[in-house]
Full PDB file with SEQRES, HELIX, SHEET, SSBOND, CRYST1, ORIGX, SCALE, CONECT and MASTER records, all heavy atoms in Angstrom:
SEQRES   1 A   45  ALA GLU VAL ILE LEU ALA GLY GLU GLY PRO LEU ASP VAL          
SEQRES   2 A   45  PRO SER GLY PRO ASN VAL ASN VAL LEU PRO GLY LEU PRO          
SEQRES   3 A   45  GLY LYS GLY ALA ALA ILE ARG ALA ALA LEU GLY ARG VAL          
SEQRES   4 A   45  THR GLY ASP ILE THR VAL                                      
HELIX    1 AA1 LYS A   28  LEU A   36  1                                   9    
SHEET    1 AA1 2 VAL A   3  ALA A   6  0                                        
SHEET    2 AA1 2 VAL A  19  LEU A  22  1                                        
CRYST1    1.000    1.000    1.000  90.00  90.00  90.00 P 1           1          
ORIGX1      1.000000  0.000000  0.000000        0.00000                         
ORIGX2      0.000000  1.000000  0.000000        0.00000                         
ORIGX3      0.000000  0.000000  1.000000        0.00000                         
SCALE1      1.000000  0.000000  0.000000        0.00000                         
SCALE2      0.000000  1.000000  0.000000        0.00000                         
SCALE3      0.000000  0.000000  1.000000        0.00000                         
ATOM      1  N   ALA A   1     103.656  76.597  99.728  1.00  0.00           N  
ATOM      2  CA  ALA A   1     102.319  76.313  99.180  1.00  0.00           C  
ATOM      3  C   ALA A   1     102.433  75.682  97.807  1.00  0.00           C  
ATOM      4  O   ALA A   1     103.397  75.905  97.071  1.00  0.00           O  
ATOM      5  CB  ALA A   1     101.530  77.615  99.074  1.00  0.00           C  
ATOM      6  N   GLU A   2     101.430  74.882  97.440  1.00  0.00           N  
ATOM      7  CA  GLU A   2     101.335  74.330  96.079  1.00  0.00           C  
ATOM      8  C   GLU A   2     100.779  75.403  95.180  1.00  0.00           C  
ATOM      9  O   GLU A   2      99.711  75.977  95.460  1.00  0.00           O  
ATOM     10  CB  GLU A   2     100.424  73.107  96.068  1.00  0.00           C  
ATOM     11  CG  GLU A   2     100.242  72.512  94.669  1.00  0.00           C  
ATOM     12  CD  GLU A   2      99.309  71.324  94.669  1.00  0.00           C  
ATOM     13  OE1 GLU A   2      98.096  71.495  94.966  1.00  0.00           O  
ATOM     14  OE2 GLU A   2      99.788  70.219  94.378  1.00  0.00           O  
ATOM     15  N   VAL A   3     101.464  75.690  94.084  1.00  0.00           N  
ATOM     16  CA  VAL A   3     101.073  76.767  93.152  1.00  0.00           C  
ATOM     17  C   VAL A   3     100.943  76.168  91.754  1.00  0.00           C  
ATOM     18  O   VAL A   3     101.847  75.504  91.281  1.00  0.00           O  
ATOM     19  CB  VAL A   3     102.095  77.910  93.134  1.00  0.00           C  
ATOM     20  CG1 VAL A   3     101.614  79.022  92.216  1.00  0.00           C  
ATOM     21  CG2 VAL A   3     102.348  78.438  94.535  1.00  0.00           C  
ATOM     22  N   ILE A   4      99.796  76.390  91.119  1.00  0.00           N  
ATOM     23  CA  ILE A   4      99.599  76.002  89.740  1.00  0.00           C  
ATOM     24  C   ILE A   4      99.314  77.267  88.931  1.00  0.00           C  
ATOM     25  O   ILE A   4      98.331  77.941  89.164  1.00  0.00           O  
ATOM     26  CB  ILE A   4      98.447  74.998  89.562  1.00  0.00           C  
ATOM     27  CG1 ILE A   4      98.705  73.744  90.409  1.00  0.00           C  
ATOM     28  CG2 ILE A   4      98.282  74.606  88.098  1.00  0.00           C  
ATOM     29  CD1 ILE A   4      97.675  73.457  91.415  1.00  0.00           C  
ATOM     30  N   LEU A   5     100.209  77.597  88.016  1.00  0.00           N  
ATOM     31  CA  LEU A   5     100.039  78.720  87.133  1.00  0.00           C  
ATOM     32  C   LEU A   5      99.569  78.209  85.762  1.00  0.00           C  
ATOM     33  O   LEU A   5     100.211  77.317  85.193  1.00  0.00           O  
ATOM     34  CB  LEU A   5     101.343  79.509  86.954  1.00  0.00           C  
ATOM     35  CG  LEU A   5     101.903  80.100  88.278  1.00  0.00           C  
ATOM     36  CD1 LEU A   5     103.235  79.457  88.594  1.00  0.00           C  
ATOM     37  CD2 LEU A   5     102.035  81.612  88.135  1.00  0.00           C  
ATOM     38  N   ALA A   6      98.477  78.740  85.269  1.00  0.00           N  
ATOM     39  CA  ALA A   6      97.911  78.253  84.011  1.00  0.00           C  
ATOM     40  C   ALA A   6      97.511  79.445  83.150  1.00  0.00           C  
ATOM     41  O   ALA A   6      96.819  80.332  83.609  1.00  0.00           O  
ATOM     42  CB  ALA A   6      96.724  77.350  84.280  1.00  0.00           C  
ATOM     43  N   GLY A   7      97.961  79.439  81.909  1.00  0.00           N  
ATOM     44  CA  GLY A   7      97.618  80.518  81.017  1.00  0.00           C  
ATOM     45  C   GLY A   7      98.614  80.652  79.890  1.00  0.00           C  
ATOM     46  O   GLY A   7      99.202  79.652  79.450  1.00  0.00           O  
ATOM     47  N   GLU A   8      98.812  81.887  79.435  1.00  0.00           N  
ATOM     48  CA  GLU A   8      99.823  82.124  78.406  1.00  0.00           C  
ATOM     49  C   GLU A   8     100.529  83.442  78.687  1.00  0.00           C  
ATOM     50  O   GLU A   8      99.932  84.392  79.160  1.00  0.00           O  
ATOM     51  CB  GLU A   8      99.186  82.142  77.021  1.00  0.00           C  
ATOM     52  CG  GLU A   8      98.094  83.171  76.811  1.00  0.00           C  
ATOM     53  CD  GLU A   8      97.585  83.214  75.380  1.00  0.00           C  
ATOM     54  OE1 GLU A   8      98.153  82.455  74.547  1.00  0.00           O  
ATOM     55  OE2 GLU A   8      96.669  83.965  75.110  1.00  0.00           O  
ATOM     56  N   GLY A   9     101.820  83.462  78.365  1.00  0.00           N  
ATOM     57  CA  GLY A   9     102.621  84.640  78.620  1.00  0.00           C  
ATOM     58  C   GLY A   9     103.947  84.273  79.257  1.00  0.00           C  
ATOM     59  O   GLY A   9     104.118  83.176  79.814  1.00  0.00           O  
ATOM     60  N   PRO A  10     104.947  85.188  79.243  1.00  0.00           N  
ATOM     61  CA  PRO A  10     106.289  84.894  79.789  1.00  0.00           C  
ATOM     62  C   PRO A  10     106.268  84.949  81.308  1.00  0.00           C  
ATOM     63  O   PRO A  10     105.790  85.909  81.894  1.00  0.00           O  
ATOM     64  CB  PRO A  10     107.166  85.998  79.199  1.00  0.00           C  
ATOM     65  CG  PRO A  10     106.205  87.143  78.974  1.00  0.00           C  
ATOM     66  CD  PRO A  10     104.877  86.516  78.623  1.00  0.00           C  
ATOM     67  N   LEU A  11     106.804  83.904  81.939  1.00  0.00           N  
ATOM     68  CA  LEU A  11     106.838  83.817  83.395  1.00  0.00           C  
ATOM     69  C   LEU A  11     108.259  83.775  83.900  1.00  0.00           C  
ATOM     70  O   LEU A  11     109.143  83.256  83.242  1.00  0.00           O  
ATOM     71  CB  LEU A  11     106.110  82.551  83.887  1.00  0.00           C  
ATOM     72  CG  LEU A  11     104.585  82.494  83.727  1.00  0.00           C  
ATOM     73  CD1 LEU A  11     104.086  81.111  84.094  1.00  0.00           C  
ATOM     74  CD2 LEU A  11     103.907  83.561  84.579  1.00  0.00           C  
ATOM     75  N   ASP A  12     108.447  84.319  85.086  1.00  0.00           N  
ATOM     76  CA  ASP A  12     109.710  84.189  85.815  1.00  0.00           C  
ATOM     77  C   ASP A  12     109.351  83.518  87.122  1.00  0.00           C  
ATOM     78  O   ASP A  12     109.010  84.192  88.108  1.00  0.00           O  
ATOM     79  CB  ASP A  12     110.359  85.543  86.036  1.00  0.00           C  
ATOM     80  CG  ASP A  12     111.593  85.452  86.917  1.00  0.00           C  
ATOM     81  OD1 ASP A  12     112.155  84.332  87.016  1.00  0.00           O  
ATOM     82  OD2 ASP A  12     111.963  86.481  87.531  1.00  0.00           O  
ATOM     83  N   VAL A  13     109.383  82.184  87.162  1.00  0.00           N  
ATOM     84  CA  VAL A  13     108.878  81.462  88.322  1.00  0.00           C  
ATOM     85  C   VAL A  13     110.003  80.639  88.934  1.00  0.00           C  
ATOM     86  O   VAL A  13     110.935  80.210  88.254  1.00  0.00           O  
ATOM     87  CB  VAL A  13     107.709  80.549  87.948  1.00  0.00           C  
ATOM     88  CG1 VAL A  13     106.517  81.356  87.426  1.00  0.00           C  
ATOM     89  CG2 VAL A  13     108.124  79.529  86.906  1.00  0.00           C  
ATOM     90  N   PRO A  14     109.900  80.381  90.252  1.00  0.00           N  
ATOM     91  CA  PRO A  14     110.920  79.581  90.922  1.00  0.00           C  
ATOM     92  C   PRO A  14     110.755  78.110  90.530  1.00  0.00           C  
ATOM     93  O   PRO A  14     109.663  77.653  90.268  1.00  0.00           O  
ATOM     94  CB  PRO A  14     110.617  79.799  92.392  1.00  0.00           C  
ATOM     95  CG  PRO A  14     109.133  80.066  92.441  1.00  0.00           C  
ATOM     96  CD  PRO A  14     108.865  80.858  91.191  1.00  0.00           C  
ATOM     97  N   SER A  15     111.845  77.401  90.469  1.00  0.00           N  
ATOM     98  CA  SER A  15     111.773  75.963  90.240  1.00  0.00           C  
ATOM     99  C   SER A  15     111.555  75.283  91.599  1.00  0.00           C  
ATOM    100  O   SER A  15     112.018  75.724  92.630  1.00  0.00           O  
ATOM    101  CB  SER A  15     113.060  75.443  89.609  1.00  0.00           C  
ATOM    102  OG  SER A  15     114.172  75.724  90.456  1.00  0.00           O  
ATOM    103  N   GLY A  16     110.837  74.198  91.585  1.00  0.00           N  
ATOM    104  CA  GLY A  16     110.566  73.479  92.822  1.00  0.00           C  
ATOM    105  C   GLY A  16     109.410  72.512  92.653  1.00  0.00           C  
ATOM    106  O   GLY A  16     108.621  72.630  91.703  1.00  0.00           O  
ATOM    107  N   PRO A  17     109.322  71.535  93.554  1.00  0.00           N  
ATOM    108  CA  PRO A  17     108.286  70.503  93.412  1.00  0.00           C  
ATOM    109  C   PRO A  17     106.870  71.043  93.589  1.00  0.00           C  
ATOM    110  O   PRO A  17     105.904  70.368  93.162  1.00  0.00           O  
ATOM    111  CB  PRO A  17     108.654  69.496  94.511  1.00  0.00           C  
ATOM    112  CG  PRO A  17     109.409  70.313  95.534  1.00  0.00           C  
ATOM    113  CD  PRO A  17     110.160  71.338  94.740  1.00  0.00           C  
ATOM    114  N   ASN A  18     106.702  72.184  94.238  1.00  0.00           N  
ATOM    115  CA  ASN A  18     105.365  72.679  94.515  1.00  0.00           C  
ATOM    116  C   ASN A  18     104.846  73.666  93.482  1.00  0.00           C  
ATOM    117  O   ASN A  18     103.749  74.201  93.634  1.00  0.00           O  
ATOM    118  CB  ASN A  18     105.309  73.368  95.900  1.00  0.00           C  
ATOM    119  CG  ASN A  18     105.513  72.358  97.004  1.00  0.00           C  
ATOM    120  OD1 ASN A  18     105.249  71.175  96.839  1.00  0.00           O  
ATOM    121  ND2 ASN A  18     105.966  72.837  98.157  1.00  0.00           N  
ATOM    122  N   VAL A  19     105.634  73.951  92.454  1.00  0.00           N  
ATOM    123  CA  VAL A  19     105.215  74.921  91.434  1.00  0.00           C  
ATOM    124  C   VAL A  19     105.019  74.215  90.114  1.00  0.00           C  
ATOM    125  O   VAL A  19     105.916  73.560  89.583  1.00  0.00           O  
ATOM    126  CB  VAL A  19     106.266  76.036  91.282  1.00  0.00           C  
ATOM    127  CG1 VAL A  19     105.813  77.031  90.203  1.00  0.00           C  
ATOM    128  CG2 VAL A  19     106.456  76.769  92.614  1.00  0.00           C  
ATOM    129  N   ASN A  20     103.775  74.317  89.581  1.00  0.00           N  
ATOM    130  CA  ASN A  20     103.445  73.707  88.289  1.00  0.00           C  
ATOM    131  C   ASN A  20     103.048  74.797  87.328  1.00  0.00           C  
ATOM    132  O   ASN A  20     102.243  75.676  87.683  1.00  0.00           O  
ATOM    133  CB  ASN A  20     102.285  72.723  88.436  1.00  0.00           C  
ATOM    134  CG  ASN A  20     102.632  71.532  89.280  1.00  0.00           C  
ATOM    135  OD1 ASN A  20     103.380  70.658  88.853  1.00  0.00           O  
ATOM    136  ND2 ASN A  20     102.117  71.480  90.497  1.00  0.00           N  
ATOM    137  N   VAL A  21     103.559  74.745  86.123  1.00  0.00           N  
ATOM    138  CA  VAL A  21     103.215  75.723  85.091  1.00  0.00           C  
ATOM    139  C   VAL A  21     102.523  74.995  83.932  1.00  0.00           C  
ATOM    140  O   VAL A  21     103.054  74.022  83.406  1.00  0.00           O  
ATOM    141  CB  VAL A  21     104.445  76.494  84.556  1.00  0.00           C  
ATOM    142  CG1 VAL A  21     104.048  77.448  83.472  1.00  0.00           C  
ATOM    143  CG2 VAL A  21     105.129  77.220  85.724  1.00  0.00           C  
ATOM    144  N   LEU A  22     101.336  75.453  83.596  1.00  0.00           N  
ATOM    145  CA  LEU A  22     100.577  74.898  82.473  1.00  0.00           C  
ATOM    146  C   LEU A  22     100.481  75.957  81.421  1.00  0.00           C  
ATOM    147  O   LEU A  22      99.583  76.845  81.489  1.00  0.00           O  
ATOM    148  CB  LEU A  22      99.186  74.451  82.942  1.00  0.00           C  
ATOM    149  CG  LEU A  22      99.137  73.468  84.130  1.00  0.00           C  
ATOM    150  CD1 LEU A  22      97.713  73.137  84.502  1.00  0.00           C  
ATOM    151  CD2 LEU A  22      99.915  72.187  83.785  1.00  0.00           C  
ATOM    152  N   PRO A  23     101.330  75.965  80.421  1.00  0.00           N  
ATOM    153  CA  PRO A  23     101.338  77.044  79.391  1.00  0.00           C  
ATOM    154  C   PRO A  23     100.357  76.730  78.273  1.00  0.00           C  
ATOM    155  O   PRO A  23      99.780  75.650  78.170  1.00  0.00           O  
ATOM    156  CB  PRO A  23     102.783  77.008  78.923  1.00  0.00           C  
ATOM    157  CG  PRO A  23     103.172  75.546  79.051  1.00  0.00           C  
ATOM    158  CD  PRO A  23     102.444  75.006  80.248  1.00  0.00           C  
ATOM    159  N   GLY A  24     100.211  77.732  77.404  1.00  0.00           N  
ATOM    160  CA  GLY A  24      99.442  77.520  76.181  1.00  0.00           C  
ATOM    161  C   GLY A  24      97.944  77.482  76.412  1.00  0.00           C  
ATOM    162  O   GLY A  24      97.222  76.850  75.597  1.00  0.00           O  
ATOM    163  N   LEU A  25      97.443  78.080  77.466  1.00  0.00           N  
ATOM    164  CA  LEU A  25      96.010  78.082  77.741  1.00  0.00           C  
ATOM    165  C   LEU A  25      95.508  79.528  77.644  1.00  0.00           C  
ATOM    166  O   LEU A  25      95.662  80.308  78.585  1.00  0.00           O  
ATOM    167  CB  LEU A  25      95.742  77.521  79.115  1.00  0.00           C  
ATOM    168  CG  LEU A  25      96.138  76.033  79.286  1.00  0.00           C  
ATOM    169  CD1 LEU A  25      96.195  75.634  80.755  1.00  0.00           C  
ATOM    170  CD2 LEU A  25      95.158  75.134  78.527  1.00  0.00           C  
ATOM    171  N   PRO A  26      94.880  79.902  76.554  1.00  0.00           N  
ATOM    172  CA  PRO A  26      94.582  81.324  76.300  1.00  0.00           C  
ATOM    173  C   PRO A  26      93.392  81.894  77.035  1.00  0.00           C  
ATOM    174  O   PRO A  26      93.226  83.102  77.040  1.00  0.00           O  
ATOM    175  CB  PRO A  26      94.308  81.346  74.771  1.00  0.00           C  
ATOM    176  CG  PRO A  26      93.814  79.966  74.480  1.00  0.00           C  
ATOM    177  CD  PRO A  26      94.531  79.040  75.410  1.00  0.00           C  
ATOM    178  N   GLY A  27      92.575  81.100  77.689  1.00  0.00           N  
ATOM    179  CA  GLY A  27      91.421  81.635  78.390  1.00  0.00           C  
ATOM    180  C   GLY A  27      91.395  81.256  79.857  1.00  0.00           C  
ATOM    181  O   GLY A  27      91.925  80.211  80.245  1.00  0.00           O  
ATOM    182  N   LYS A  28      90.800  82.113  80.687  1.00  0.00           N  
ATOM    183  CA  LYS A  28      90.752  81.883  82.113  1.00  0.00           C  
ATOM    184  C   LYS A  28      90.012  80.604  82.476  1.00  0.00           C  
ATOM    185  O   LYS A  28      90.412  79.832  83.363  1.00  0.00           O  
ATOM    186  CB  LYS A  28      90.118  83.090  82.819  1.00  0.00           C  
ATOM    187  CG  LYS A  28      90.187  83.051  84.341  1.00  0.00           C  
ATOM    188  CD  LYS A  28      89.628  84.338  84.944  1.00  0.00           C  
ATOM    189  CE  LYS A  28      89.807  84.384  86.451  1.00  0.00           C  
ATOM    190  NZ  LYS A  28      89.289  85.668  87.004  1.00  0.00           N  
ATOM    191  N   GLY A  29      88.870  80.360  81.811  1.00  0.00           N  
ATOM    192  CA  GLY A  29      88.099  79.165  82.079  1.00  0.00           C  
ATOM    193  C   GLY A  29      88.888  77.905  81.735  1.00  0.00           C  
ATOM    194  O   GLY A  29      88.947  76.950  82.511  1.00  0.00           O  
ATOM    195  N   ALA A  30      89.530  77.893  80.578  1.00  0.00           N  
ATOM    196  CA  ALA A  30      90.347  76.741  80.169  1.00  0.00           C  
ATOM    197  C   ALA A  30      91.506  76.563  81.147  1.00  0.00           C  
ATOM    198  O   ALA A  30      91.883  75.409  81.494  1.00  0.00           O  
ATOM    199  CB  ALA A  30      90.871  76.962  78.766  1.00  0.00           C  
ATOM    200  N   ALA A  31      92.097  77.640  81.611  1.00  0.00           N  
ATOM    201  CA  ALA A  31      93.217  77.559  82.536  1.00  0.00           C  
ATOM    202  C   ALA A  31      92.794  76.959  83.869  1.00  0.00           C  
ATOM    203  O   ALA A  31      93.490  76.095  84.430  1.00  0.00           O  
ATOM    204  CB  ALA A  31      93.811  78.968  82.769  1.00  0.00           C  
ATOM    205  N   ILE A  32      91.647  77.388  84.383  1.00  0.00           N  
ATOM    206  CA  ILE A  32      91.195  76.862  85.670  1.00  0.00           C  
ATOM    207  C   ILE A  32      90.851  75.389  85.591  1.00  0.00           C  
ATOM    208  O   ILE A  32      91.207  74.601  86.458  1.00  0.00           O  
ATOM    209  CB  ILE A  32      89.977  77.687  86.186  1.00  0.00           C  
ATOM    210  CG1 ILE A  32      90.454  79.089  86.601  1.00  0.00           C  
ATOM    211  CG2 ILE A  32      89.281  76.993  87.324  1.00  0.00           C  
ATOM    212  CD1 ILE A  32      89.328  80.052  86.967  1.00  0.00           C  
ATOM    213  N   ARG A  33      90.176  74.977  84.486  1.00  0.00           N  
ATOM    214  CA  ARG A  33      89.860  73.564  84.331  1.00  0.00           C  
ATOM    215  C   ARG A  33      91.110  72.713  84.296  1.00  0.00           C  
ATOM    216  O   ARG A  33      91.196  71.649  84.938  1.00  0.00           O  
ATOM    217  CB  ARG A  33      89.039  73.366  83.050  1.00  0.00           C  
ATOM    218  CG  ARG A  33      87.610  73.817  83.135  1.00  0.00           C  
ATOM    219  CD  ARG A  33      86.765  73.154  82.074  1.00  0.00           C  
ATOM    220  NE  ARG A  33      87.321  73.312  80.719  1.00  0.00           N  
ATOM    221  CZ  ARG A  33      87.108  74.376  79.957  1.00  0.00           C  
ATOM    222  NH1 ARG A  33      86.359  75.358  80.389  1.00  0.00           N  
ATOM    223  NH2 ARG A  33      87.640  74.439  78.742  1.00  0.00           N  
ATOM    224  N   ALA A  34      92.111  73.157  83.541  1.00  0.00           N  
ATOM    225  CA  ALA A  34      93.338  72.378  83.452  1.00  0.00           C  
ATOM    226  C   ALA A  34      94.047  72.323  84.796  1.00  0.00           C  
ATOM    227  O   ALA A  34      94.550  71.268  85.209  1.00  0.00           O  
ATOM    228  CB  ALA A  34      94.244  72.976  82.386  1.00  0.00           C  
ATOM    229  N   ALA A  35      94.081  73.442  85.493  1.00  0.00           N  
ATOM    230  CA  ALA A  35      94.798  73.484  86.781  1.00  0.00           C  
ATOM    231  C   ALA A  35      94.125  72.650  87.844  1.00  0.00           C  
ATOM    232  O   ALA A  35      94.805  72.045  88.708  1.00  0.00           O  
ATOM    233  CB  ALA A  35      94.886  74.953  87.246  1.00  0.00           C  
ATOM    234  N   LEU A  36      92.790  72.547  87.827  1.00  0.00           N  
ATOM    235  CA  LEU A  36      92.104  71.758  88.855  1.00  0.00           C  
ATOM    236  C   LEU A  36      92.549  70.297  88.823  1.00  0.00           C  
ATOM    237  O   LEU A  36      92.529  69.620  89.874  1.00  0.00           O  
ATOM    238  CB  LEU A  36      90.585  71.837  88.633  1.00  0.00           C  
ATOM    239  CG  LEU A  36      89.873  73.044  89.271  1.00  0.00           C  
ATOM    240  CD1 LEU A  36      88.434  73.123  88.822  1.00  0.00           C  
ATOM    241  CD2 LEU A  36      89.966  72.965  90.794  1.00  0.00           C  
ATOM    242  N   GLY A  37      92.929  69.814  87.643  1.00  0.00           N  
ATOM    243  CA  GLY A  37      93.401  68.432  87.576  1.00  0.00           C  
ATOM    244  C   GLY A  37      94.723  68.209  88.277  1.00  0.00           C  
ATOM    245  O   GLY A  37      95.071  67.049  88.562  1.00  0.00           O  
ATOM    246  N   ARG A  38      95.435  69.256  88.585  1.00  0.00           N  
ATOM    247  CA  ARG A  38      96.741  69.143  89.256  1.00  0.00           C  
ATOM    248  C   ARG A  38      96.675  69.411  90.765  1.00  0.00           C  
ATOM    249  O   ARG A  38      97.654  69.228  91.473  1.00  0.00           O  
ATOM    250  CB  ARG A  38      97.737  70.136  88.610  1.00  0.00           C  
ATOM    251  CG  ARG A  38      97.959  69.961  87.141  1.00  0.00           C  
ATOM    252  CD  ARG A  38      98.704  68.666  86.814  1.00  0.00           C  
ATOM    253  NE  ARG A  38      98.998  68.544  85.383  1.00  0.00           N  
ATOM    254  CZ  ARG A  38     100.165  68.951  84.846  1.00  0.00           C  
ATOM    255  NH1 ARG A  38     101.102  69.498  85.618  1.00  0.00           N  
ATOM    256  NH2 ARG A  38     100.385  68.798  83.558  1.00  0.00           N  
ATOM    257  N   VAL A  39      95.558  69.885  91.243  1.00  0.00           N  
ATOM    258  CA  VAL A  39      95.440  70.289  92.648  1.00  0.00           C  
ATOM    259  C   VAL A  39      95.457  69.040  93.550  1.00  0.00           C  
ATOM    260  O   VAL A  39      94.766  68.059  93.274  1.00  0.00           O  
ATOM    261  CB  VAL A  39      94.142  71.073  92.882  1.00  0.00           C  
ATOM    262  CG1 VAL A  39      93.848  71.219  94.360  1.00  0.00           C  
ATOM    263  CG2 VAL A  39      94.254  72.433  92.217  1.00  0.00           C  
ATOM    264  N   THR A  40      96.223  69.117  94.621  1.00  0.00           N  
ATOM    265  CA  THR A  40      96.267  68.014  95.576  1.00  0.00           C  
ATOM    266  C   THR A  40      95.758  68.411  96.962  1.00  0.00           C  
ATOM    267  O   THR A  40      95.466  67.556  97.775  1.00  0.00           O  
ATOM    268  CB  THR A  40      97.709  67.484  95.739  1.00  0.00           C  
ATOM    269  OG1 THR A  40      98.555  68.531  96.249  1.00  0.00           O  
ATOM    270  CG2 THR A  40      98.239  66.988  94.393  1.00  0.00           C  
ATOM    271  N   GLY A  41      95.627  69.704  97.237  1.00  0.00           N  
ATOM    272  CA  GLY A  41      95.186  70.145  98.563  1.00  0.00           C  
ATOM    273  C   GLY A  41      93.684  70.016  98.735  1.00  0.00           C  
ATOM    274  O   GLY A  41      92.901  69.973  97.778  1.00  0.00           O  
ATOM    275  N   ASP A  42      93.251  70.003  99.996  1.00  0.00           N  
ATOM    276  CA  ASP A  42      91.813  69.923 100.323  1.00  0.00           C  
ATOM    277  C   ASP A  42      91.122  71.275 100.100  1.00  0.00           C  
ATOM    278  O   ASP A  42      89.910  71.306  99.935  1.00  0.00           O  
ATOM    279  CB  ASP A  42      91.610  69.513 101.783  1.00  0.00           C  
ATOM    280  CG  ASP A  42      92.043  68.092 102.041  1.00  0.00           C  
ATOM    281  OD1 ASP A  42      92.031  67.264 101.083  1.00  0.00           O  
ATOM    282  OD2 ASP A  42      92.398  67.773 103.183  1.00  0.00           O  
ATOM    283  N   ILE A  43      91.878  72.350 100.074  1.00  0.00           N  
ATOM    284  CA  ILE A  43      91.341  73.691  99.827  1.00  0.00           C  
ATOM    285  C   ILE A  43      92.053  74.287  98.637  1.00  0.00           C  
ATOM    286  O   ILE A  43      93.287  74.195  98.498  1.00  0.00           O  
ATOM    287  CB  ILE A  43      91.503  74.594 101.078  1.00  0.00           C  
ATOM    288  CG1 ILE A  43      90.711  74.047 102.257  1.00  0.00           C  
ATOM    289  CG2 ILE A  43      91.069  76.035 100.755  1.00  0.00           C  
ATOM    290  CD1 ILE A  43      90.900  74.838 103.548  1.00  0.00           C  
ATOM    291  N   THR A  44      91.305  74.894  97.745  1.00  0.00           N  
ATOM    292  CA  THR A  44      91.857  75.552  96.558  1.00  0.00           C  
ATOM    293  C   THR A  44      91.535  77.030  96.608  1.00  0.00           C  
ATOM    294  O   THR A  44      90.374  77.402  96.787  1.00  0.00           O  
ATOM    295  CB  THR A  44      91.285  74.950  95.269  1.00  0.00           C  
ATOM    296  OG1 THR A  44      91.643  73.544  95.191  1.00  0.00           O  
ATOM    297  CG2 THR A  44      91.841  75.670  94.054  1.00  0.00           C  
ATOM    298  N   VAL A  45      92.564  77.857  96.466  1.00  0.00           N  
ATOM    299  CA  VAL A  45      92.370  79.306  96.345  1.00  0.00           C  
ATOM    300  C   VAL A  45      92.526  79.687  94.882  1.00  0.00           C  
ATOM    301  O   VAL A  45      93.544  79.389  94.262  1.00  0.00           O  
ATOM    302  CB  VAL A  45      93.394  80.090  97.197  1.00  0.00           C  
ATOM    303  CG1 VAL A  45      93.270  81.583  96.969  1.00  0.00           C  
ATOM    304  CG2 VAL A  45      93.215  79.762  98.681  1.00  0.00           C  
TER     305      VAL A  45                                                      
MASTER        0    0    0    1    2    0    0    6  304    1    0    4          
END                                                                             
């Protein structure tokens, strides 16, 4: 699955083409807005 993690805090995430990390986003609203720009699927969870 395509995974976009957005927010702030230490992560232990797998490397791979389907995993995107957007750090330095302190609020949930700001994180979701930034992540939506990276979504490529027709359905977003």
